[in-house]
Amino acid sequence: MKLQGIFSVFGHVSRGLTSELKRLESVSENIANANQVAGEGDPIYHRKTVDPESFKEQFSSRLRSKRLDLQRTHRVHLRGIKGSTRFQGEAWPTAKIVESTNERLVFDPNHPKANPQGYVRMPDVNVVDEMMEMITATRSYEANTSVMAAAKQMARRTLDL
């Protein structure tokens, strides 16, 4: 029997929460490195973003391979050893982080790391865009937690019947 109904919500919400946390991690790293300056041959920080499609593919393929068999109840089902949707011994699916290869040149001839033309290499990170991304990720995370709370309350009410 496939995991369906109210219990499938928990899987979807956990995927959403994990994805939004990964987005917040990449945003915080981008903001922290927004003003990093690189010299001529120095490596430069590249803006990181989350590719949600890779996470979705990983998660759904692993979920399809796992089945929850509720036809026979056994004490091991409760521990998640047999027939569980937990990923035993496997890493939890994570969103793939994608780095952009762009950089921006800022004209600052007085800077010590400026090239002969007076330009300084900086990461292509716009702090305003990153703040907008952070707000969006935070709101999505809050929405997912609201859905989790509602599903938990519905499941509790169903069990009270």
C-alpha atoms as a PDB file:
ATOM      1  CA  MET A   1       0.000   0.000   0.000  1.00  0.00           C
ATOM      2  CA  LYS A   2       1.387   3.385  -0.955  1.00  0.00           C
ATOM      3  CA  LEU A   3       1.697   6.198   1.546  1.00  0.00           C
ATOM      4  CA  GLN A   4      -1.384   8.292   0.834  1.00  0.00           C
ATOM      5  CA  GLY A   5      -3.825  10.699   2.364  1.00  0.00           C
ATOM      6  CA  ILE A   6      -2.971  12.788   5.362  1.00  0.00           C
ATOM      7  CA  PHE A   7       0.390  11.079   5.901  1.00  0.00           C
ATOM      8  CA  SER A   8       1.705  12.018   2.453  1.00  0.00           C
ATOM      9  CA  VAL A   9       1.442  15.664   3.541  1.00  0.00           C
ATOM     10  CA  PHE A  10       4.209  15.142   6.101  1.00  0.00           C
ATOM     11  CA  GLY A  11       6.609  13.952   3.402  1.00  0.00           C
ATOM     12  CA  HIS A  12       5.847  16.899   1.151  1.00  0.00           C
ATOM     13  CA  VAL A  13       6.150  19.395   3.987  1.00  0.00           C
ATOM     14  CA  SER A  14       9.444  17.955   5.204  1.00  0.00           C
ATOM     15  CA  ARG A  15      10.805  18.235   1.663  1.00  0.00           C
ATOM     16  CA  GLY A  16       9.655  21.862   1.530  1.00  0.00           C
ATOM     17  CA  LEU A  17      11.154  22.707   4.922  1.00  0.00           C
ATOM     18  CA  THR A  18      14.494  21.184   3.993  1.00  0.00           C
ATOM     19  CA  SER A  19      14.541  23.010   0.665  1.00  0.00           C
ATOM     20  CA  GLU A  20      13.747  26.372   2.282  1.00  0.00           C
ATOM     21  CA  LEU A  21      16.455  25.878   4.906  1.00  0.00           C
ATOM     22  CA  LYS A  22      18.945  25.167   2.134  1.00  0.00           C
ATOM     23  CA  ARG A  23      17.816  28.374   0.392  1.00  0.00           C
ATOM     24  CA  LEU A  24      18.387  30.339   3.603  1.00  0.00           C
ATOM     25  CA  GLU A  25      21.871  28.830   3.940  1.00  0.00           C
ATOM     26  CA  SER A  26      22.833  29.860   0.417  1.00  0.00           C
ATOM     27  CA  VAL A  27      21.375  33.371   0.914  1.00  0.00           C
ATOM     28  CA  SER A  28      23.302  33.870   4.154  1.00  0.00           C
ATOM     29  CA  GLU A  29      26.524  32.724   2.505  1.00  0.00           C
ATOM     30  CA  ASN A  30      25.913  35.047  -0.452  1.00  0.00           C
ATOM     31  CA  ILE A  31      25.287  38.054   1.804  1.00  0.00           C
ATOM     32  CA  ALA A  32      28.360  37.267   3.902  1.00  0.00           C
ATOM     33  CA  ASN A  33      30.569  37.224   0.793  1.00  0.00           C
ATOM     34  CA  ALA A  34      28.913  40.042  -1.176  1.00  0.00           C
ATOM     35  CA  ASN A  35      31.769  42.502  -0.639  1.00  0.00           C
ATOM     36  CA  GLN A  36      34.640  40.061  -1.030  1.00  0.00           C
ATOM     37  CA  VAL A  37      37.274  41.456  -3.377  1.00  0.00           C
ATOM     38  CA  ALA A  38      39.568  39.370  -5.542  1.00  0.00           C
ATOM     39  CA  GLY A  39      42.844  40.389  -7.133  1.00  0.00           C
ATOM     40  CA  GLU A  40      44.004  39.550 -10.659  1.00  0.00           C
ATOM     41  CA  GLY A  41      44.726  35.836 -10.195  1.00  0.00           C
ATOM     42  CA  ASP A  42      42.781  35.268  -6.985  1.00  0.00           C
ATOM     43  CA  PRO A  43      39.716  33.025  -6.872  1.00  0.00           C
ATOM     44  CA  ILE A  44      36.464  34.893  -6.456  1.00  0.00           C
ATOM     45  CA  TYR A  45      33.332  33.928  -4.543  1.00  0.00           C
ATOM     46  CA  HIS A  46      30.518  32.742  -6.807  1.00  0.00           C
ATOM     47  CA  ARG A  47      26.864  33.364  -5.951  1.00  0.00           C
ATOM     48  CA  LYS A  48      25.090  30.184  -4.870  1.00  0.00           C
ATOM     49  CA  THR A  49      21.470  29.313  -5.554  1.00  0.00           C
ATOM     50  CA  VAL A  50      19.372  26.243  -4.853  1.00  0.00           C
ATOM     51  CA  ASP A  51      18.127  24.101  -7.723  1.00  0.00           C
ATOM     52  CA  PRO A  52      14.764  22.860  -6.393  1.00  0.00           C
ATOM     53  CA  GLU A  53      14.239  20.433  -9.277  1.00  0.00           C
ATOM     54  CA  SER A  54      17.235  18.297  -8.285  1.00  0.00           C
ATOM     55  CA  PHE A  55      15.850  17.974  -4.752  1.00  0.00           C
ATOM     56  CA  LYS A  56      12.400  17.071  -6.052  1.00  0.00           C
ATOM     57  CA  GLU A  57      13.795  14.378  -8.343  1.00  0.00           C
ATOM     58  CA  GLN A  58      15.947  12.839  -5.596  1.00  0.00           C
ATOM     59  CA  PHE A  59      13.153  12.833  -3.062  1.00  0.00           C
ATOM     60  CA  SER A  60      10.415  11.448  -5.324  1.00  0.00           C
ATOM     61  CA  SER A  61      12.615   8.666  -6.742  1.00  0.00           C
ATOM     62  CA  ARG A  62      13.559   7.517  -3.235  1.00  0.00           C
ATOM     63  CA  LEU A  63       9.981   7.752  -2.023  1.00  0.00           C
ATOM     64  CA  ARG A  64       8.801   5.611  -4.950  1.00  0.00           C
ATOM     65  CA  SER A  65      11.341   2.949  -4.008  1.00  0.00           C
ATOM     66  CA  LYS A  66      10.098   2.838  -0.397  1.00  0.00           C
ATOM     67  CA  ARG A  67       6.695   1.445   0.480  1.00  0.00           C
ATOM     68  CA  LEU A  68       4.711   1.452   3.671  1.00  0.00           C
ATOM     69  CA  ASP A  69       2.931  -1.841   4.163  1.00  0.00           C
ATOM     70  CA  LEU A  70       0.105  -1.449   6.659  1.00  0.00           C
ATOM     71  CA  GLN A  71      -1.673  -4.686   5.809  1.00  0.00           C
ATOM     72  CA  ARG A  72       0.187  -6.496   8.598  1.00  0.00           C
ATOM     73  CA  THR A  73       1.071  -4.518  11.668  1.00  0.00           C
ATOM     74  CA  HIS A  74       4.302  -5.498  13.298  1.00  0.00           C
ATOM     75  CA  ARG A  75       6.333  -3.835  16.041  1.00  0.00           C
ATOM     76  CA  VAL A  76       9.252  -3.209  13.668  1.00  0.00           C
ATOM     77  CA  HIS A  77       7.031  -0.951  11.553  1.00  0.00           C
ATOM     78  CA  LEU A  78       6.874   1.464  14.428  1.00  0.00           C
ATOM     79  CA  ARG A  79      10.654   1.676  14.683  1.00  0.00           C
ATOM     80  CA  GLY A  80      11.006   2.374  10.977  1.00  0.00           C
ATOM     81  CA  ILE A  81      13.140  -0.662  10.184  1.00  0.00           C
ATOM     82  CA  LYS A  82      10.838  -2.510   7.820  1.00  0.00           C
ATOM     83  CA  GLY A  83       8.404  -0.927   5.392  1.00  0.00           C
ATOM     84  CA  SER A  84       9.129   2.614   6.471  1.00  0.00           C
ATOM     85  CA  THR A  85       9.485   5.682   4.307  1.00  0.00           C
ATOM     86  CA  ARG A  86      12.552   6.731   6.274  1.00  0.00           C
ATOM     87  CA  PHE A  87      15.777   6.516   4.337  1.00  0.00           C
ATOM     88  CA  GLN A  88      17.606   3.931   6.430  1.00  0.00           C
ATOM     89  CA  GLY A  89      21.354   4.115   5.927  1.00  0.00           C
ATOM     90  CA  GLU A  90      20.974   6.643   3.123  1.00  0.00           C
ATOM     91  CA  ALA A  91      21.601  10.345   3.135  1.00  0.00           C
ATOM     92  CA  TRP A  92      18.465  12.474   3.244  1.00  0.00           C
ATOM     93  CA  PRO A  93      17.908  14.076  -0.173  1.00  0.00           C
ATOM     94  CA  THR A  94      19.359  17.546  -0.360  1.00  0.00           C
ATOM     95  CA  ALA A  95      18.814  20.360  -2.781  1.00  0.00           C
ATOM     96  CA  LYS A  96      21.627  20.830  -5.250  1.00  0.00           C
ATOM     97  CA  ILE A  97      23.555  24.078  -4.896  1.00  0.00           C
ATOM     98  CA  VAL A  98      24.367  25.778  -8.191  1.00  0.00           C
ATOM     99  CA  GLU A  99      27.147  28.358  -8.452  1.00  0.00           C
ATOM    100  CA  SER A 100      26.968  31.166 -10.985  1.00  0.00           C
ATOM    101  CA  THR A 101      30.182  31.961 -12.798  1.00  0.00           C
ATOM    102  CA  ASN A 102      29.451  35.664 -13.152  1.00  0.00           C
ATOM    103  CA  GLU A 103      31.440  38.410 -11.529  1.00  0.00           C
ATOM    104  CA  ARG A 104      31.218  42.164 -11.638  1.00  0.00           C
ATOM    105  CA  LEU A 105      33.908  44.716 -12.206  1.00  0.00           C
ATOM    106  CA  VAL A 106      33.783  47.819 -10.023  1.00  0.00           C
ATOM    107  CA  PHE A 107      35.814  50.870 -10.954  1.00  0.00           C
ATOM    108  CA  ASP A 108      37.960  51.758  -7.931  1.00  0.00           C
ATOM    109  CA  PRO A 109      41.495  52.744  -9.020  1.00  0.00           C
ATOM    110  CA  ASN A 110      42.572  53.460  -5.414  1.00  0.00           C
ATOM    111  CA  HIS A 111      41.837  49.925  -4.206  1.00  0.00           C
ATOM    112  CA  PRO A 112      44.964  47.796  -3.557  1.00  0.00           C
ATOM    113  CA  LYS A 113      43.557  44.863  -5.562  1.00  0.00           C
ATOM    114  CA  ALA A 114      42.563  46.941  -8.600  1.00  0.00           C
ATOM    115  CA  ASN A 115      43.843  45.818 -11.995  1.00  0.00           C
ATOM    116  CA  PRO A 116      45.910  48.188 -14.195  1.00  0.00           C
ATOM    117  CA  GLN A 117      42.692  49.626 -15.688  1.00  0.00           C
ATOM    118  CA  GLY A 118      41.434  50.461 -12.154  1.00  0.00           C
ATOM    119  CA  TYR A 119      38.752  47.747 -11.885  1.00  0.00           C
ATOM    120  CA  VAL A 120      38.228  45.464  -8.894  1.00  0.00           C
ATOM    121  CA  ARG A 121      36.725  41.991  -9.318  1.00  0.00           C
ATOM    122  CA  MET A 122      33.765  41.324  -7.001  1.00  0.00           C
ATOM    123  CA  PRO A 123      31.126  38.594  -6.740  1.00  0.00           C
ATOM    124  CA  ASP A 124      27.913  39.060  -8.701  1.00  0.00           C
ATOM    125  CA  VAL A 125      25.817  39.267  -5.522  1.00  0.00           C
ATOM    126  CA  ASN A 126      23.138  41.917  -5.155  1.00  0.00           C
ATOM    127  CA  VAL A 127      22.348  42.255  -1.450  1.00  0.00           C
ATOM    128  CA  VAL A 128      18.849  43.632  -2.159  1.00  0.00           C
ATOM    129  CA  ASP A 129      18.011  40.575  -4.286  1.00  0.00           C
ATOM    130  CA  GLU A 130      19.417  38.300  -1.589  1.00  0.00           C
ATOM    131  CA  MET A 131      17.291  39.991   1.081  1.00  0.00           C
ATOM    132  CA  MET A 132      14.221  39.504  -1.125  1.00  0.00           C
ATOM    133  CA  GLU A 133      15.160  35.840  -1.540  1.00  0.00           C
ATOM    134  CA  MET A 134      15.581  35.535   2.225  1.00  0.00           C
ATOM    135  CA  ILE A 135      12.115  36.992   2.874  1.00  0.00           C
ATOM    136  CA  THR A 136      10.574  34.663   0.292  1.00  0.00           C
ATOM    137  CA  ALA A 137      12.311  31.626   1.801  1.00  0.00           C
ATOM    138  CA  THR A 138      11.226  32.639   5.292  1.00  0.00           C
ATOM    139  CA  ARG A 139       7.598  33.056   4.215  1.00  0.00           C
ATOM    140  CA  SER A 140       7.653  29.704   2.427  1.00  0.00           C
ATOM    141  CA  TYR A 141       9.120  28.059   5.512  1.00  0.00           C
ATOM    142  CA  GLU A 142       6.366  29.586   7.664  1.00  0.00           C
ATOM    143  CA  ALA A 143       3.718  28.380   5.208  1.00  0.00           C
ATOM    144  CA  ASN A 144       5.136  24.857   5.359  1.00  0.00           C
ATOM    145  CA  THR A 145       5.091  24.854   9.150  1.00  0.00           C
ATOM    146  CA  SER A 146       1.452  26.014   9.080  1.00  0.00           C
ATOM    147  CA  VAL A 147       0.557  23.152   6.752  1.00  0.00           C
ATOM    148  CA  MET A 148       2.414  20.718   9.036  1.00  0.00           C
ATOM    149  CA  ALA A 149       0.500  21.988  12.074  1.00  0.00           C
ATOM    150  CA  ALA A 150      -2.841  21.693  10.252  1.00  0.00           C
ATOM    151  CA  ALA A 151      -2.060  18.170   9.015  1.00  0.00           C
ATOM    152  CA  LYS A 152      -0.928  17.133  12.484  1.00  0.00           C
ATOM    153  CA  GLN A 153      -4.154  18.461  13.968  1.00  0.00           C
ATOM    154  CA  MET A 154      -6.224  16.645  11.319  1.00  0.00           C
ATOM    155  CA  ALA A 155      -4.354  13.383  11.951  1.00  0.00           C
ATOM    156  CA  ARG A 156      -4.862  13.783  15.704  1.00  0.00           C
ATOM    157  CA  ARG A 157      -8.600  14.379  15.202  1.00  0.00           C
ATOM    158  CA  THR A 158      -8.804  11.348  12.936  1.00  0.00           C
ATOM    159  CA  LEU A 159      -7.149   9.165  15.578  1.00  0.00           C
ATOM    160  CA  ASP A 160      -9.572  10.490  18.200  1.00  0.00           C
ATOM    161  CA  LEU A 161     -12.463   8.992  16.226  1.00  0.00           C
END
